[in-house]
C-alpha atoms as a PDB file:
ATOM      1  CA  VAL A   1      -8.338  11.368  25.056  1.00  0.00           C
ATOM      2  CA  SER A   2      -6.016  13.934  26.595  1.00  0.00           C
ATOM      3  CA  THR A   3      -3.525  15.949  24.543  1.00  0.00           C
ATOM      4  CA  LYS A   4      -0.560  14.163  26.135  1.00  0.00           C
ATOM      5  CA  ASP A   5      -1.793  10.887  24.607  1.00  0.00           C
ATOM      6  CA  PHE A   6      -1.083  12.247  21.124  1.00  0.00           C
ATOM      7  CA  LEU A   7       2.332  11.803  19.521  1.00  0.00           C
ATOM      8  CA  GLU A   8       3.899  15.027  18.290  1.00  0.00           C
ATOM      9  CA  ARG A   9       6.069  14.805  15.167  1.00  0.00           C
ATOM     10  CA  PRO A  10       7.461  11.303  15.838  1.00  0.00           C
ATOM     11  CA  LEU A  11      10.352   9.807  13.892  1.00  0.00           C
ATOM     12  CA  ALA A  12       9.009   8.025  10.791  1.00  0.00           C
ATOM     13  CA  GLY A  13       8.934   4.273  11.372  1.00  0.00           C
ATOM     14  CA  SER A  14       9.432   4.469  15.155  1.00  0.00           C
ATOM     15  CA  GLN A  15       6.111   2.863  16.174  1.00  0.00           C
ATOM     16  CA  VAL A  16       6.368  -0.734  14.903  1.00  0.00           C
ATOM     17  CA  GLN A  17       9.471  -2.883  15.425  1.00  0.00           C
ATOM     18  CA  LEU A  18      11.407  -4.645  12.666  1.00  0.00           C
ATOM     19  CA  CYS A  19      11.606  -8.425  12.939  1.00  0.00           C
ATOM     20  CA  LEU A  20      13.294 -11.159  10.896  1.00  0.00           C
ATOM     21  CA  LEU A  21      10.747 -12.891   8.659  1.00  0.00           C
ATOM     22  CA  GLU A  22      11.307 -16.338  10.186  1.00  0.00           C
ATOM     23  CA  LYS A  23      10.899 -15.108  13.802  1.00  0.00           C
ATOM     24  CA  LYS A  24       7.169 -14.239  13.350  1.00  0.00           C
ATOM     25  CA  VAL A  25       7.032 -11.794  16.273  1.00  0.00           C
ATOM     26  CA  LEU A  26       3.600 -10.144  16.617  1.00  0.00           C
ATOM     27  CA  ASN A  27       3.266  -6.349  16.312  1.00  0.00           C
ATOM     28  CA  SER A  28       6.228  -6.110  13.965  1.00  0.00           C
ATOM     29  CA  TRP A  29       7.097  -5.773  10.291  1.00  0.00           C
ATOM     30  CA  SER A  30       9.486  -7.757   8.101  1.00  0.00           C
ATOM     31  CA  HIS A  31      11.253  -7.511   4.777  1.00  0.00           C
ATOM     32  CA  ILE A  32       9.753  -9.813   2.154  1.00  0.00           C
ATOM     33  CA  ASP A  33      11.118 -10.827  -1.242  1.00  0.00           C
ATOM     34  CA  PRO A  34       9.421  -9.053  -4.186  1.00  0.00           C
ATOM     35  CA  GLY A  35       9.806 -12.347  -6.075  1.00  0.00           C
ATOM     36  CA  THR A  36       7.116 -13.985  -3.913  1.00  0.00           C
ATOM     37  CA  PHE A  37       4.348 -11.891  -5.521  1.00  0.00           C
ATOM     38  CA  ARG A  38       2.493 -13.051  -8.635  1.00  0.00           C
ATOM     39  CA  VAL A  39       2.155 -10.396 -11.346  1.00  0.00           C
ATOM     40  CA  ARG A  40       1.197 -10.217 -15.019  1.00  0.00           C
ATOM     41  CA  GLY A  41       3.675 -12.358 -16.933  1.00  0.00           C
ATOM     42  CA  SER A  42       5.540 -11.652 -20.172  1.00  0.00           C
ATOM     43  CA  ASN A  43       2.728 -13.081 -22.333  1.00  0.00           C
ATOM     44  CA  TYR A  44      -0.187 -12.005 -20.131  1.00  0.00           C
ATOM     45  CA  LEU A  45      -2.023 -10.194 -22.941  1.00  0.00           C
ATOM     46  CA  ARG A  46      -2.141 -13.518 -24.847  1.00  0.00           C
ATOM     47  CA  ASP A  47      -2.413 -16.207 -22.171  1.00  0.00           C
ATOM     48  CA  LYS A  48      -3.660 -14.241 -19.079  1.00  0.00           C
ATOM     49  CA  LYS A  49      -1.023 -16.000 -16.958  1.00  0.00           C
ATOM     50  CA  LYS A  50       0.511 -14.572 -13.808  1.00  0.00           C
ATOM     51  CA  GLU A  51       4.071 -15.399 -12.828  1.00  0.00           C
ATOM     52  CA  LEU A  52       6.377 -14.722  -9.906  1.00  0.00           C
ATOM     53  CA  ALA A  53       7.832 -11.219 -10.118  1.00  0.00           C
ATOM     54  CA  GLN A  54      11.507 -10.492 -10.628  1.00  0.00           C
ATOM     55  CA  ASN A  55      13.142 -10.550  -7.192  1.00  0.00           C
ATOM     56  CA  CYS A  56      13.862  -6.825  -6.989  1.00  0.00           C
ATOM     57  CA  ALA A  57      11.800  -3.735  -6.188  1.00  0.00           C
ATOM     58  CA  ALA A  58      12.149  -0.032  -6.850  1.00  0.00           C
ATOM     59  CA  TYR A  59      11.745   0.796  -3.138  1.00  0.00           C
ATOM     60  CA  TYR A  60      12.574  -1.183   0.017  1.00  0.00           C
ATOM     61  CA  PRO A  61      10.959  -0.739   3.469  1.00  0.00           C
ATOM     62  CA  PHE A  62      12.708   0.967   6.373  1.00  0.00           C
ATOM     63  CA  GLY A  63       9.826   1.449   8.809  1.00  0.00           C
ATOM     64  CA  VAL A  64       6.138   1.080   9.658  1.00  0.00           C
ATOM     65  CA  ASP A  65       3.857   3.189  11.860  1.00  0.00           C
ATOM     66  CA  VAL A  66       0.276   2.702  13.045  1.00  0.00           C
ATOM     67  CA  TYR A  67      -1.724   5.747  14.161  1.00  0.00           C
ATOM     68  CA  LEU A  68      -5.261   5.927  15.490  1.00  0.00           C
ATOM     69  CA  SER A  69      -7.294   8.983  14.457  1.00  0.00           C
ATOM     70  CA  PRO A  70     -10.772  10.477  15.012  1.00  0.00           C
ATOM     71  CA  GLN A  71     -10.861  11.304  11.261  1.00  0.00           C
ATOM     72  CA  LYS A  72      -8.856  10.285   8.214  1.00  0.00           C
ATOM     73  CA  LEU A  73      -5.256  11.505   8.190  1.00  0.00           C
ATOM     74  CA  HIS A  74      -4.297  12.844   4.761  1.00  0.00           C
ATOM     75  CA  HIS A  75      -0.719  13.654   3.691  1.00  0.00           C
ATOM     76  CA  ILE A  76       0.714  12.076   6.826  1.00  0.00           C
ATOM     77  CA  SER A  77       4.318  12.888   5.801  1.00  0.00           C
ATOM     78  CA  ARG A  78       3.702  16.424   7.116  1.00  0.00           C
ATOM     79  CA  PHE A  79       3.318  15.157  10.673  1.00  0.00           C
ATOM     80  CA  VAL A  80       6.353  12.871  11.027  1.00  0.00           C
ATOM     81  CA  LYS A  81      10.121  13.336  10.792  1.00  0.00           C
ATOM     82  CA  LEU A  82      11.281  11.703   7.578  1.00  0.00           C
ATOM     83  CA  PRO A  83      14.979  10.950   6.993  1.00  0.00           C
ATOM     84  CA  ASP A  84      16.743  13.809   5.219  1.00  0.00           C
ATOM     85  CA  ILE A  85      17.780  11.905   2.093  1.00  0.00           C
ATOM     86  CA  GLN A  86      18.591  13.750  -1.116  1.00  0.00           C
ATOM     87  CA  THR A  87      19.502  12.148  -4.417  1.00  0.00           C
ATOM     88  CA  SER A  88      20.427  13.100  -7.956  1.00  0.00           C
ATOM     89  CA  SER A  89      17.904  10.550  -9.256  1.00  0.00           C
ATOM     90  CA  LYS A  90      14.784  11.686 -11.102  1.00  0.00           C
ATOM     91  CA  LEU A  91      12.768   9.513  -8.714  1.00  0.00           C
ATOM     92  CA  PRO A  92      11.922  10.603  -5.129  1.00  0.00           C
ATOM     93  CA  PRO A  93      14.305   8.992  -2.593  1.00  0.00           C
ATOM     94  CA  LEU A  94      11.395   8.163  -0.240  1.00  0.00           C
ATOM     95  CA  LEU A  95       8.008   6.546  -0.859  1.00  0.00           C
ATOM     96  CA  VAL A  96       5.322   6.776   1.851  1.00  0.00           C
ATOM     97  CA  VAL A  97       2.189   4.595   1.633  1.00  0.00           C
ATOM     98  CA  ASN A  98      -0.625   5.656   3.976  1.00  0.00           C
ATOM     99  CA  VAL A  99      -3.413   3.048   4.175  1.00  0.00           C
ATOM    100  CA  GLN A 100      -6.450   4.681   5.814  1.00  0.00           C
ATOM    101  CA  VAL A 101      -8.595   2.056   7.568  1.00  0.00           C
ATOM    102  CA  PRO A 102     -12.080   2.803   8.990  1.00  0.00           C
ATOM    103  CA  LEU A 103     -13.030   1.573  12.478  1.00  0.00           C
ATOM    104  CA  TYR A 104     -16.752   2.473  12.283  1.00  0.00           C
ATOM    105  CA  PRO A 105     -19.480   0.238  10.775  1.00  0.00           C
ATOM    106  CA  ALA A 106     -19.883   0.149   6.988  1.00  0.00           C
ATOM    107  CA  SER A 107     -22.938   1.997   5.669  1.00  0.00           C
ATOM    108  CA  LEU A 108     -25.010   0.444   2.899  1.00  0.00           C
ATOM    109  CA  PHE A 109     -25.765   3.896   1.473  1.00  0.00           C
ATOM    110  CA  GLN A 110     -22.125   5.026   1.309  1.00  0.00           C
ATOM    111  CA  ASN A 111     -22.971   8.342   2.970  1.00  0.00           C
ATOM    112  CA  GLU A 112     -20.254   7.914   5.587  1.00  0.00           C
ATOM    113  CA  THR A 113     -16.714   8.058   4.231  1.00  0.00           C
ATOM    114  CA  ASP A 114     -14.920   9.607   7.190  1.00  0.00           C
ATOM    115  CA  GLY A 115     -14.757   8.974  10.894  1.00  0.00           C
ATOM    116  CA  GLU A 116     -12.769   7.051  13.489  1.00  0.00           C
ATOM    117  CA  GLY A 117     -10.011   4.978  11.980  1.00  0.00           C
ATOM    118  CA  MET A 118      -6.315   4.260  11.776  1.00  0.00           C
ATOM    119  CA  SER A 119      -3.471   4.694   9.347  1.00  0.00           C
ATOM    120  CA  PHE A 120      -0.991   1.977   8.488  1.00  0.00           C
ATOM    121  CA  VAL A 121       1.980   4.035   7.291  1.00  0.00           C
ATOM    122  CA  LEU A 122       4.631   2.170   5.308  1.00  0.00           C
ATOM    123  CA  TYR A 123       7.967   3.871   4.571  1.00  0.00           C
ATOM    124  CA  PHE A 124      10.242   2.872   1.689  1.00  0.00           C
ATOM    125  CA  ARG A 125      13.645   4.022   0.427  1.00  0.00           C
ATOM    126  CA  LEU A 126      14.712   4.042  -3.233  1.00  0.00           C
ATOM    127  CA  SER A 127      16.829   0.990  -4.043  1.00  0.00           C
ATOM    128  CA  GLU A 128      20.491   1.820  -4.659  1.00  0.00           C
ATOM    129  CA  GLY A 129      20.557  -0.629  -7.553  1.00  0.00           C
ATOM    130  CA  TYR A 130      17.227   0.294  -9.120  1.00  0.00           C
ATOM    131  CA  SER A 131      18.753   1.671 -12.352  1.00  0.00           C
ATOM    132  CA  LYS A 132      20.553  -1.639 -13.020  1.00  0.00           C
ATOM    133  CA  GLU A 133      17.886  -4.042 -11.727  1.00  0.00           C
ATOM    134  CA  LEU A 134      14.680  -2.572 -13.180  1.00  0.00           C
ATOM    135  CA  SER A 135      13.676  -2.168 -16.809  1.00  0.00           C
ATOM    136  CA  PRO A 136      14.093   1.388 -18.187  1.00  0.00           C
ATOM    137  CA  LEU A 137      10.381   1.411 -19.104  1.00  0.00           C
ATOM    138  CA  PHE A 138       9.316   0.557 -15.529  1.00  0.00           C
ATOM    139  CA  ILE A 139      11.562   3.351 -14.206  1.00  0.00           C
ATOM    140  CA  GLU A 140       9.978   5.724 -16.726  1.00  0.00           C
ATOM    141  CA  ASN A 141       6.501   4.575 -15.601  1.00  0.00           C
ATOM    142  CA  ILE A 142       7.364   5.341 -11.965  1.00  0.00           C
ATOM    143  CA  ARG A 143       8.402   8.832 -13.053  1.00  0.00           C
ATOM    144  CA  ARG A 144       5.099   9.208 -14.930  1.00  0.00           C
ATOM    145  CA  LEU A 145       3.219   8.112 -11.805  1.00  0.00           C
ATOM    146  CA  VAL A 146       5.042  10.695  -9.675  1.00  0.00           C
ATOM    147  CA  ASP A 147       4.651  13.479 -12.260  1.00  0.00           C
ATOM    148  CA  ASP A 148       0.916  12.770 -12.685  1.00  0.00           C
ATOM    149  CA  ASP A 149       1.245  12.223 -16.420  1.00  0.00           C
ATOM    150  CA  VAL A 150      -1.813  11.745 -18.596  1.00  0.00           C
ATOM    151  CA  GLU A 151      -2.111   9.013 -21.219  1.00  0.00           C
ATOM    152  CA  LYS A 152      -4.445   8.821 -24.195  1.00  0.00           C
ATOM    153  CA  ILE A 153      -6.649   5.731 -24.401  1.00  0.00           C
ATOM    154  CA  LYS A 154      -8.233   4.760 -27.716  1.00  0.00           C
ATOM    155  CA  GLY A 155     -11.954   4.281 -27.384  1.00  0.00           C
ATOM    156  CA  PHE A 156     -15.200   4.597 -29.250  1.00  0.00           C
ATOM    157  CA  PRO A 157     -16.134   7.091 -30.546  1.00  0.00           C
ATOM    158  CA  MET A 158     -12.955   9.007 -29.623  1.00  0.00           C
ATOM    159  CA  GLU A 159      -9.757   9.028 -27.577  1.00  0.00           C
ATOM    160  CA  THR A 160      -9.972   9.830 -23.879  1.00  0.00           C
ATOM    161  CA  SER A 161      -7.262  11.133 -21.556  1.00  0.00           C
ATOM    162  CA  ILE A 162      -6.705   9.270 -18.284  1.00  0.00           C
ATOM    163  CA  SER A 163      -4.305   9.986 -15.420  1.00  0.00           C
ATOM    164  CA  PHE A 164      -1.376   7.550 -15.430  1.00  0.00           C
ATOM    165  CA  ARG A 165      -1.953   7.173 -11.682  1.00  0.00           C
ATOM    166  CA  GLU A 166      -5.080   5.128 -12.468  1.00  0.00           C
ATOM    167  CA  ARG A 167      -2.677   2.244 -13.169  1.00  0.00           C
ATOM    168  CA  LEU A 168      -1.437   1.957  -9.576  1.00  0.00           C
ATOM    169  CA  LYS A 169      -2.266  -1.538  -8.307  1.00  0.00           C
ATOM    170  CA  ILE A 170      -2.342  -3.005  -4.791  1.00  0.00           C
ATOM    171  CA  LEU A 171      -0.821  -6.450  -4.207  1.00  0.00           C
ATOM    172  CA  GLY A 172      -2.124  -8.002  -0.995  1.00  0.00           C
ATOM    173  CA  ARG A 173      -2.319 -11.416   0.599  1.00  0.00           C
ATOM    174  CA  VAL A 174      -2.739 -13.118   3.949  1.00  0.00           C
ATOM    175  CA  ALA A 175       0.376 -15.290   4.276  1.00  0.00           C
ATOM    176  CA  ASN A 176      -0.913 -17.469   7.152  1.00  0.00           C
ATOM    177  CA  LEU A 177      -4.445 -18.127   5.923  1.00  0.00           C
ATOM    178  CA  GLU A 178      -4.487 -21.675   7.330  1.00  0.00           C
ATOM    179  CA  ASP A 179      -3.785 -20.377  10.869  1.00  0.00           C
ATOM    180  CA  LEU A 180      -6.832 -18.085  10.995  1.00  0.00           C
ATOM    181  CA  PRO A 181     -10.126 -19.036  12.672  1.00  0.00           C
ATOM    182  CA  LEU A 182     -12.497 -18.793   9.681  1.00  0.00           C
ATOM    183  CA  SER A 183     -15.907 -20.255   8.931  1.00  0.00           C
ATOM    184  CA  ALA A 184     -16.232 -22.475   5.838  1.00  0.00           C
ATOM    185  CA  ALA A 185     -17.826 -19.596   3.881  1.00  0.00           C
ATOM    186  CA  GLU A 186     -15.135 -17.123   4.982  1.00  0.00           C
ATOM    187  CA  ARG A 187     -12.365 -19.564   4.083  1.00  0.00           C
ATOM    188  CA  LYS A 188     -13.851 -20.111   0.619  1.00  0.00           C
ATOM    189  CA  LEU A 189     -14.075 -16.359   0.092  1.00  0.00           C
ATOM    190  CA  MET A 190     -10.523 -15.768   1.315  1.00  0.00           C
ATOM    191  CA  HIS A 191      -9.114 -18.472  -0.980  1.00  0.00           C
ATOM    192  CA  ALA A 192     -10.967 -16.915  -3.920  1.00  0.00           C
ATOM    193  CA  TYR A 193      -9.728 -13.361  -3.305  1.00  0.00           C
ATOM    194  CA  ASN A 194      -6.431 -13.784  -1.466  1.00  0.00           C
ATOM    195  CA  GLU A 195      -3.578 -12.423  -3.602  1.00  0.00           C
ATOM    196  CA  LYS A 196      -5.932 -10.891  -6.213  1.00  0.00           C
ATOM    197  CA  PRO A 197      -4.472  -7.505  -7.230  1.00  0.00           C
ATOM    198  CA  VAL A 198      -6.816  -4.517  -7.199  1.00  0.00           C
ATOM    199  CA  LEU A 199      -6.417  -1.068  -8.769  1.00  0.00           C
ATOM    200  CA  SER A 200      -6.283   1.627  -6.082  1.00  0.00           C
ATOM    201  CA  ARG A 201      -8.434   4.033  -8.135  1.00  0.00           C
ATOM    202  CA  PRO A 202     -10.487   6.037  -7.370  1.00  0.00           C
ATOM    203  CA  GLN A 203      -9.854   5.695  -3.637  1.00  0.00           C
ATOM    204  CA  HIS A 204      -6.392   7.222  -3.679  1.00  0.00           C
ATOM    205  CA  GLN A 205      -4.632  10.563  -3.300  1.00  0.00           C
ATOM    206  CA  PHE A 206      -1.049  11.601  -3.972  1.00  0.00           C
ATOM    207  CA  PHE A 207       1.276  14.142  -2.359  1.00  0.00           C
ATOM    208  CA  LEU A 208       4.740  15.168  -3.542  1.00  0.00           C
ATOM    209  CA  GLY A 209       7.272  16.693  -1.131  1.00  0.00           C
ATOM    210  CA  ASP A 210      10.900  17.789  -1.416  1.00  0.00           C
ATOM    211  CA  ASN A 211      12.266  14.277  -1.037  1.00  0.00           C
ATOM    212  CA  TYR A 212       9.185  12.033  -0.841  1.00  0.00           C
ATOM    213  CA  PHE A 213       6.162  10.819  -2.773  1.00  0.00           C
ATOM    214  CA  GLU A 214       3.137   9.815  -0.681  1.00  0.00           C
ATOM    215  CA  VAL A 215       0.283   7.542  -1.744  1.00  0.00           C
ATOM    216  CA  ASP A 216      -2.868   7.611   0.426  1.00  0.00           C
ATOM    217  CA  ILE A 217      -5.144   4.582  -0.056  1.00  0.00           C
ATOM    218  CA  ASP A 218      -8.587   5.405   1.348  1.00  0.00           C
ATOM    219  CA  MET A 219     -10.423   2.271   2.527  1.00  0.00           C
ATOM    220  CA  HIS A 220     -13.167   4.512   3.981  1.00  0.00           C
ATOM    221  CA  ARG A 221     -14.339   4.951   0.375  1.00  0.00           C
ATOM    222  CA  PHE A 222     -14.235   1.257  -0.565  1.00  0.00           C
ATOM    223  CA  GLY A 223     -17.561  -0.329  -1.611  1.00  0.00           C
ATOM    224  CA  TYR A 224     -19.977  -1.712   0.987  1.00  0.00           C
ATOM    225  CA  ILE A 225     -19.153  -5.382   0.309  1.00  0.00           C
ATOM    226  CA  SER A 226     -15.386  -4.772   0.622  1.00  0.00           C
ATOM    227  CA  ARG A 227     -15.882  -2.693   3.772  1.00  0.00           C
ATOM    228  CA  LYS A 228     -18.169  -5.289   5.346  1.00  0.00           C
ATOM    229  CA  GLY A 229     -15.744  -8.090   4.547  1.00  0.00           C
ATOM    230  CA  PHE A 230     -12.829  -6.208   6.088  1.00  0.00           C
ATOM    231  CA  GLU A 231     -14.945  -5.299   9.134  1.00  0.00           C
ATOM    232  CA  THR A 232     -15.415  -8.971  10.027  1.00  0.00           C
ATOM    233  CA  PHE A 233     -11.676  -9.432   9.554  1.00  0.00           C
ATOM    234  CA  LEU A 234     -10.549  -6.554  11.806  1.00  0.00           C
ATOM    235  CA  ASP A 235     -10.401  -8.542  15.049  1.00  0.00           C
ATOM    236  CA  ARG A 236      -8.163 -11.123  13.337  1.00  0.00           C
ATOM    237  CA  LEU A 237      -5.571  -8.582  12.217  1.00  0.00           C
ATOM    238  CA  LYS A 238      -3.638  -9.199  15.438  1.00  0.00           C
ATOM    239  CA  ILE A 239      -2.890 -12.785  14.353  1.00  0.00           C
ATOM    240  CA  CYS A 240      -2.640 -12.088  10.632  1.00  0.00           C
ATOM    241  CA  MET A 241       0.578 -12.059   8.582  1.00  0.00           C
ATOM    242  CA  LEU A 242      -0.305  -9.556   5.887  1.00  0.00           C
ATOM    243  CA  ASP A 243       1.835  -8.964   2.805  1.00  0.00           C
ATOM    244  CA  VAL A 244       1.292  -5.616   1.085  1.00  0.00           C
ATOM    245  CA  GLY A 245       2.853  -4.368  -2.144  1.00  0.00           C
ATOM    246  CA  LEU A 246       2.312  -2.012  -5.068  1.00  0.00           C
ATOM    247  CA  THR A 247       2.920  -2.326  -8.788  1.00  0.00           C
ATOM    248  CA  ILE A 248       2.035  -0.358 -11.924  1.00  0.00           C
ATOM    249  CA  GLN A 249      -0.325  -2.240 -14.205  1.00  0.00           C
ATOM    250  CA  GLY A 250       1.264  -3.284 -17.495  1.00  0.00           C
ATOM    251  CA  ASN A 251      -1.156  -2.711 -20.378  1.00  0.00           C
ATOM    252  CA  LYS A 252       1.224  -3.181 -23.319  1.00  0.00           C
ATOM    253  CA  PRO A 253       3.554  -6.075 -24.268  1.00  0.00           C
ATOM    254  CA  GLU A 254       6.648  -3.921 -23.668  1.00  0.00           C
ATOM    255  CA  GLU A 255       5.452  -3.184 -20.074  1.00  0.00           C
ATOM    256  CA  LEU A 256       5.383  -6.885 -19.186  1.00  0.00           C
ATOM    257  CA  PRO A 257       6.227  -8.671 -17.014  1.00  0.00           C
ATOM    258  CA  GLU A 258       5.080  -6.283 -14.293  1.00  0.00           C
ATOM    259  CA  GLN A 259       7.645  -5.357 -11.653  1.00  0.00           C
ATOM    260  CA  VAL A 260       7.197  -4.597  -7.959  1.00  0.00           C
ATOM    261  CA  LEU A 261       7.239  -0.977  -6.818  1.00  0.00           C
ATOM    262  CA  CYS A 262       7.488  -1.839  -3.092  1.00  0.00           C
ATOM    263  CA  CYS A 263       6.425  -4.531  -0.596  1.00  0.00           C
ATOM    264  CA  VAL A 264       6.467  -5.343   3.126  1.00  0.00           C
ATOM    265  CA  ARG A 265       5.007  -7.871   5.609  1.00  0.00           C
ATOM    266  CA  LEU A 266       2.931  -6.782   8.627  1.00  0.00           C
ATOM    267  CA  ASN A 267       3.062  -9.346  11.446  1.00  0.00           C
ATOM    268  CA  GLY A 268      -0.069  -9.495  13.618  1.00  0.00           C
ATOM    269  CA  ILE A 269      -0.673  -5.778  14.156  1.00  0.00           C
ATOM    270  CA  ASP A 270      -2.874  -5.056  17.209  1.00  0.00           C
ATOM    271  CA  TYR A 271      -3.990  -1.513  16.339  1.00  0.00           C
ATOM    272  CA  ALA A 272      -5.423  -0.932  19.848  1.00  0.00           C
ATOM    273  CA  LYS A 273      -1.836  -0.691  21.164  1.00  0.00           C
ATOM    274  CA  TYR A 274      -1.036   2.425  19.140  1.00  0.00           C
ATOM    275  CA  GLN A 275      -1.640   6.126  19.694  1.00  0.00           C
ATOM    276  CA  PRO A 276      -3.097   9.069  17.769  1.00  0.00           C
ATOM    277  CA  LEU A 277      -0.899  11.633  16.031  1.00  0.00           C
ATOM    278  CA  MET A 278      -0.748  15.374  16.780  1.00  0.00           C
ATOM    279  CA  THR A 279      -1.815  17.232  13.630  1.00  0.00           C
ATOM    280  CA  ASN A 280      -2.621  20.717  14.997  1.00  0.00           C
ATOM    281  CA  GLY A 281      -1.041  23.643  13.219  1.00  0.00           C
ATOM    282  CA  ALA A 282      -0.016  21.702  10.096  1.00  0.00           C
END
């Protein structure tokens, strides 16, 4: 690959086009209602029931990029031009979610956790109405996530301290499951796991800038079974409508129902159409 094939400091969100949800244009992204995601309900600690989230989020999407890379790209906000947004809020005005996806075969022995891959980079802006729409406790929990607070967990024989960031949870689902060419076994598996939230720990990293907070989700470090499952799914990404969101797990009655941190739909992304990113000198 020649140097001219690399993108140098592109505008954040300039690689993938925005499309209206109902148009279903491939290689695009769309806004999606936070209220379509199922989260822990008000009485979850008693009845274990999920319910549709409140139809508001802390952050809303304004762009999506896809970048190929010979190795994992960490702290991708350094290499793109983010909007110069400042705010008097205690929360960062921008949220960047960098999903690092491997493109090399999964290893049973987990000795390979870096190599050729791509980054799905999702950009979000703080909602103007967040202080009125979200519960004060959820806002406080976002601040704790950003500030890397530690919480004490009661255990036997003694209390332990755990990073609050361990509560970050990925919401994901394939919205057009019935349209995908799947074997009977694959379909059964997808129905069982589609829309099941998963904690991002320990495969995550966090970076705080002047006006942004970045979350890197490292799929290179996912377990062998997860990696293998995603590997067989890679060639279907180009016809897949994928909804991605984040929440903060509610562990106490006063933290329920859970609320959505951010969410977006990716419409049939063909990663082969995208370019690498210039990272020299950063």
